[in-house]
């Protein structure tokens, strides 16, 4: 490590994603920037995760294997252990690209008071790691993600550690929307920058991701959280959630569900 350069802490929360976590670890260890503190918190996985972690233990700054209360709880534990000037997390099924942290630190040097460093584009990868698509979601303003479009890109985004401490980390009661809630709280008082024009990470889209299994629970939690930040019923974000909730209810209706699924299959 080069102590003359900013320290960056990367946290990986983990639970039973042994088929992917090695790719995640390797992507962090392959960073071109070297002054990195890497913390992995595994909630006592019962798959091959422990074996993978043991094989990399000498290269990971800190490995913690203990039960937790869920992903938010694990990440907050990592935040509190972090020593970095900048802190971020990468889930155990996603990957960072080799120059991610290098680009981050370049922008941090020019913007040392910015609280939130985001990337406006991310690659979608499948279970095999093959690129299948791209998501573009530049951060425009707090008001935009509150009222217009809640889509944010978490993998590859980082925070100034002192700003995290000031806002109190995550709202650990949230299961699905803790990252969006954190963005909204940081943006109340702090600045942001989109630090790269190209993807700095790959988001793995597969059947086990929380966003693919959350359904109505995710939507209701997000709506309540947005209201707590000042969203109104006529905001596009709330209208969109209500439409999605209606579709979910129709899909699960024993009478109308088959009709809805047939209509969807027709395009």
Protein backbone atom coordinates (compact mmCIF):
# COMPACT_ATOMS: atom_id res chain seq x y z
CA UNK A 1 0.00 0.00 0.00
CA UNK A 2 1.06 3.59 -0.71
CA UNK A 3 0.12 5.58 2.39
CA UNK A 4 0.72 8.85 0.55
CA UNK A 5 -2.39 8.23 -1.57
CA UNK A 6 -6.00 8.14 -0.33
CA UNK A 7 -7.08 4.87 1.25
CA UNK A 8 -10.18 3.31 -0.33
CA UNK A 9 -12.23 0.72 1.56
CA UNK A 10 -14.26 -1.84 -0.35
CA UNK A 11 -16.80 -4.00 1.48
CA UNK A 12 -18.36 -7.24 0.25
CA UNK A 13 -21.39 -8.63 2.14
CA UNK A 14 -21.86 -12.32 1.45
CA UNK A 15 -24.34 -15.10 2.01
CA UNK A 16 -24.53 -18.32 0.00
CA UNK A 17 -23.27 -16.94 -3.29
CA UNK A 18 -20.28 -19.22 -3.47
CA UNK A 19 -20.68 -19.67 -7.21
CA UNK A 20 -19.96 -15.96 -7.77
CA UNK A 21 -17.93 -14.63 -4.85
CA UNK A 22 -14.55 -15.66 -6.25
CA UNK A 23 -15.13 -13.49 -9.32
CA UNK A 24 -16.04 -10.60 -7.00
CA UNK A 25 -12.90 -11.05 -4.89
CA UNK A 26 -10.67 -11.36 -7.93
CA UNK A 27 -12.13 -8.17 -9.39
CA UNK A 28 -11.19 -6.25 -6.22
CA UNK A 29 -7.71 -7.75 -6.03
CA UNK A 30 -7.14 -6.90 -9.72
CA UNK A 31 -7.58 -3.15 -9.18
CA UNK A 32 -4.80 -1.04 -10.73
CA UNK A 33 -4.95 1.20 -7.66
CA UNK A 34 -3.19 -0.44 -4.74
CA UNK A 35 -4.03 1.51 -1.58
CA UNK A 36 -7.17 -0.51 -0.86
CA UNK A 37 -8.60 -1.94 2.33
CA UNK A 38 -10.83 -4.91 1.48
CA UNK A 39 -13.34 -6.25 4.01
CA UNK A 40 -15.52 -9.31 3.40
CA UNK A 41 -18.39 -10.07 5.78
CA UNK A 42 -19.94 -13.50 5.34
CA UNK A 43 -23.10 -14.43 7.25
CA UNK A 44 -22.00 -18.04 7.84
CA UNK A 45 -22.70 -19.29 4.34
CA UNK A 46 -23.23 -23.03 4.09
CA UNK A 47 -22.11 -23.41 0.48
CA UNK A 48 -18.57 -23.21 -0.97
CA UNK A 49 -18.09 -19.60 0.19
CA UNK A 50 -15.98 -20.51 3.22
CA UNK A 51 -13.58 -22.53 1.08
CA UNK A 52 -13.23 -19.64 -1.38
CA UNK A 53 -12.59 -17.14 1.42
CA UNK A 54 -9.93 -19.36 2.96
CA UNK A 55 -8.06 -19.52 -0.34
CA UNK A 56 -7.89 -15.70 -0.50
CA UNK A 57 -7.61 -14.90 3.22
CA UNK A 58 -3.99 -13.78 2.90
CA UNK A 59 -4.94 -11.23 0.22
CA UNK A 60 -8.08 -9.82 1.85
CA UNK A 61 -7.51 -7.20 4.56
CA UNK A 62 -10.23 -8.54 6.85
CA UNK A 63 -12.57 -11.54 6.67
CA UNK A 64 -15.44 -11.72 9.15
CA UNK A 65 -17.68 -14.79 9.32
CA UNK A 66 -20.59 -14.29 11.70
CA UNK A 67 -24.36 -14.21 11.63
CA UNK A 68 -26.00 -10.89 10.84
CA UNK A 69 -29.46 -9.40 10.43
CA UNK A 70 -29.23 -9.17 6.67
CA UNK A 71 -27.32 -7.35 3.96
CA UNK A 72 -27.81 -3.86 5.40
CA UNK A 73 -26.54 -4.97 8.80
CA UNK A 74 -23.45 -6.57 7.24
CA UNK A 75 -22.60 -3.48 5.18
CA UNK A 76 -23.02 -1.17 8.18
CA UNK A 77 -20.62 -3.40 10.14
CA UNK A 78 -18.16 -2.96 7.29
CA UNK A 79 -18.68 0.81 7.22
CA UNK A 80 -17.86 0.99 10.92
CA UNK A 81 -14.67 -1.07 10.43
CA UNK A 82 -13.53 1.03 7.47
CA UNK A 83 -10.50 3.30 7.65
CA UNK A 84 -10.64 4.58 4.07
CA UNK A 85 -11.13 8.17 2.99
CA UNK A 86 -13.60 6.71 0.51
CA UNK A 87 -15.85 3.70 1.13
CA UNK A 88 -18.01 1.56 -1.11
CA UNK A 89 -19.43 -1.93 -1.34
CA UNK A 90 -19.64 -4.52 -4.07
CA UNK A 91 -22.08 -7.37 -3.64
CA UNK A 92 -20.81 -10.93 -3.81
CA UNK A 93 -22.38 -11.54 -7.22
CA UNK A 94 -21.13 -8.34 -8.91
CA UNK A 95 -17.69 -7.31 -10.18
CA UNK A 96 -15.57 -4.17 -10.37
CA UNK A 97 -13.52 -3.41 -13.47
CA UNK A 98 -9.73 -3.07 -12.97
CA UNK A 99 -9.47 0.72 -13.32
CA UNK A 100 -12.53 1.55 -11.19
CA UNK A 101 -10.74 2.73 -8.05
CA UNK A 102 -8.00 4.46 -10.05
CA UNK A 103 -10.62 6.61 -11.80
CA UNK A 104 -12.41 7.22 -8.51
CA UNK A 105 -9.30 8.56 -6.78
CA UNK A 106 -8.49 10.87 -9.69
CA UNK A 107 -11.85 12.55 -9.26
CA UNK A 108 -11.59 12.55 -5.48
CA UNK A 109 -8.31 14.46 -5.71
CA UNK A 110 -10.12 17.17 -7.69
CA UNK A 111 -13.27 17.07 -5.53
CA UNK A 112 -12.21 16.25 -1.95
CA UNK A 113 -15.43 17.65 -0.43
CA UNK A 114 -17.84 15.69 -2.63
CA UNK A 115 -19.80 13.12 -0.61
CA UNK A 116 -21.06 10.80 -3.35
CA UNK A 117 -19.10 9.50 -6.34
CA UNK A 118 -21.26 7.65 -8.85
CA UNK A 119 -20.98 6.05 -12.26
CA UNK A 120 -23.79 6.78 -14.74
CA UNK A 121 -23.49 3.50 -16.65
CA UNK A 122 -23.10 -0.18 -15.77
CA UNK A 123 -22.84 -3.42 -17.70
CA UNK A 124 -25.33 -6.21 -17.08
CA UNK A 125 -23.76 -9.66 -16.97
CA UNK A 126 -25.33 -13.10 -16.78
CA UNK A 127 -24.56 -16.04 -14.53
CA UNK A 128 -21.60 -16.97 -16.73
CA UNK A 129 -20.19 -13.44 -16.57
CA UNK A 130 -21.07 -12.62 -20.17
CA UNK A 131 -22.24 -9.09 -20.93
CA UNK A 132 -25.91 -9.01 -21.87
CA UNK A 133 -26.77 -5.33 -21.72
CA UNK A 134 -26.10 -1.85 -20.37
CA UNK A 135 -27.95 0.39 -17.94
CA UNK A 136 -27.52 4.16 -18.16
CA UNK A 137 -28.69 6.20 -15.18
CA UNK A 138 -26.69 9.40 -14.63
CA UNK A 139 -27.35 11.11 -11.32
CA UNK A 140 -28.91 14.49 -12.13
CA UNK A 141 -30.14 15.73 -8.75
CA UNK A 142 -31.73 14.62 -5.50
CA UNK A 143 -35.11 15.89 -6.67
CA UNK A 144 -34.84 13.85 -9.86
CA UNK A 145 -34.38 10.48 -8.13
CA UNK A 146 -37.02 11.38 -5.54
CA UNK A 147 -39.72 12.52 -7.93
CA UNK A 148 -38.87 11.45 -11.50
CA UNK A 149 -36.87 8.22 -11.66
CA UNK A 150 -35.48 6.20 -8.75
CA UNK A 151 -32.97 4.26 -10.83
CA UNK A 152 -29.46 4.54 -9.41
CA UNK A 153 -26.29 2.57 -10.05
CA UNK A 154 -24.77 1.16 -6.88
CA UNK A 155 -21.87 -1.08 -8.02
CA UNK A 156 -18.88 1.21 -8.57
CA UNK A 157 -20.29 4.05 -6.45
CA UNK A 158 -18.36 5.30 -3.42
CA UNK A 159 -18.85 7.68 -0.50
CA UNK A 160 -16.72 9.95 1.59
CA UNK A 161 -16.42 8.06 4.87
CA UNK A 162 -16.95 11.13 7.07
CA UNK A 163 -20.19 11.88 5.22
CA UNK A 164 -21.40 8.33 5.88
CA UNK A 165 -20.72 8.78 9.58
CA UNK A 166 -22.57 12.11 9.61
CA UNK A 167 -25.78 10.65 8.10
CA UNK A 168 -25.67 7.52 10.27
CA UNK A 169 -24.95 4.93 7.56
CA UNK A 170 -27.93 2.86 6.36
CA UNK A 171 -31.46 2.72 7.61
CA UNK A 172 -31.02 -0.93 8.61
CA UNK A 173 -34.79 -1.52 8.70
CA UNK A 174 -34.81 -1.37 4.89
CA UNK A 175 -34.25 -4.62 3.01
CA UNK A 176 -34.43 -3.49 -0.62
CA UNK A 177 -34.09 0.29 -0.83
CA UNK A 178 -31.30 1.10 1.63
CA UNK A 179 -28.99 2.34 -1.12
CA UNK A 180 -31.55 4.76 -2.57
CA UNK A 181 -32.40 5.98 0.93
CA UNK A 182 -28.70 6.59 1.60
CA UNK A 183 -28.31 8.53 -1.66
CA UNK A 184 -31.26 10.75 -0.74
CA UNK A 185 -29.90 11.48 2.73
CA UNK A 186 -26.39 12.24 1.50
CA UNK A 187 -27.71 14.54 -1.24
CA UNK A 188 -29.63 16.67 1.26
CA UNK A 189 -26.45 18.43 2.29
CA UNK A 190 -23.60 17.05 0.16
CA UNK A 191 -22.41 17.24 -3.41
CA UNK A 192 -22.00 14.48 -5.98
CA UNK A 193 -20.14 13.75 -9.18
CA UNK A 194 -20.54 11.25 -12.00
CA UNK A 195 -16.89 10.23 -12.04
CA UNK A 196 -16.77 8.12 -15.19
CA UNK A 197 -18.45 8.12 -18.59
CA UNK A 198 -17.95 4.38 -19.06
CA UNK A 199 -18.95 1.36 -16.98
CA UNK A 200 -16.77 0.68 -13.94
CA UNK A 201 -18.60 -2.46 -12.83
CA UNK A 202 -20.74 -5.37 -13.91
CA UNK A 203 -24.12 -6.05 -12.31
CA UNK A 204 -25.03 -9.74 -12.35
CA UNK A 205 -28.64 -10.30 -13.29
CA UNK A 206 -29.86 -13.74 -12.26
CA UNK A 207 -32.78 -15.36 -10.48
CA UNK A 208 -31.33 -15.03 -6.99
CA UNK A 209 -30.91 -11.26 -6.85
CA UNK A 210 -33.07 -9.46 -4.29
CA UNK A 211 -34.46 -7.04 -6.88
CA UNK A 212 -35.71 -9.96 -8.98
CA UNK A 213 -37.46 -11.65 -6.04
CA UNK A 214 -38.71 -8.67 -4.02
CA UNK A 215 -42.05 -8.20 -5.77
CA UNK A 216 -44.68 -6.27 -3.84
CA UNK A 217 -42.51 -6.11 -0.69
CA UNK A 218 -39.84 -4.17 -2.57
CA UNK A 219 -42.35 -1.80 -4.15
CA UNK A 220 -44.21 -1.06 -0.92
CA UNK A 221 -40.99 -0.51 1.01
CA UNK A 222 -39.69 1.86 -1.66
CA UNK A 223 -42.92 3.84 -1.76
CA UNK A 224 -42.94 4.29 2.02
CA UNK A 225 -39.29 5.31 1.97
CA UNK A 226 -39.87 7.89 -0.80
CA UNK A 227 -42.79 9.38 1.10
CA UNK A 228 -40.51 9.75 4.15
CA UNK A 229 -38.21 11.91 2.01
CA UNK A 230 -41.02 14.15 0.78
CA UNK A 231 -42.38 12.44 -2.34
CA UNK A 232 -46.00 13.16 -3.29
CA UNK A 233 -48.72 10.95 -4.71
CA UNK A 234 -48.53 12.74 -8.08
CA UNK A 235 -44.76 12.31 -8.47
CA UNK A 236 -43.73 10.07 -11.37
CA UNK A 237 -41.83 7.77 -9.00
CA UNK A 238 -44.92 7.09 -6.87
CA UNK A 239 -47.22 6.73 -9.88
CA UNK A 240 -44.81 4.20 -11.41
CA UNK A 241 -44.70 2.16 -8.20
CA UNK A 242 -48.50 2.16 -7.91
CA UNK A 243 -48.83 0.92 -11.50
CA UNK A 244 -46.31 -1.85 -10.82
CA UNK A 245 -48.17 -2.82 -7.64
CA UNK A 246 -51.42 -3.03 -9.60
CA UNK A 247 -49.76 -5.28 -12.17
CA UNK A 248 -48.37 -7.51 -9.40
CA UNK A 249 -51.82 -7.84 -7.83
CA UNK A 250 -53.44 -8.65 -11.17
CA UNK A 251 -50.73 -11.18 -11.97
CA UNK A 252 -51.36 -12.97 -8.67
CA UNK A 253 -55.14 -12.88 -9.02
CA UNK A 254 -56.45 -16.42 -9.67
CA UNK A 255 -58.99 -15.21 -12.22
CA UNK A 256 -57.19 -12.34 -13.94
CA UNK A 257 -53.62 -13.61 -13.52
CA UNK A 258 -53.67 -16.00 -16.52
CA UNK A 259 -55.13 -13.23 -18.70
CA UNK A 260 -52.42 -10.76 -17.66
CA UNK A 261 -49.69 -13.32 -18.32
CA UNK A 262 -51.19 -14.11 -21.74
CA UNK A 263 -51.31 -10.42 -22.64
CA UNK A 264 -47.68 -10.01 -21.58
CA UNK A 265 -46.66 -12.96 -23.75
CA UNK A 266 -48.32 -11.24 -26.70
CA UNK A 267 -45.93 -8.27 -26.20
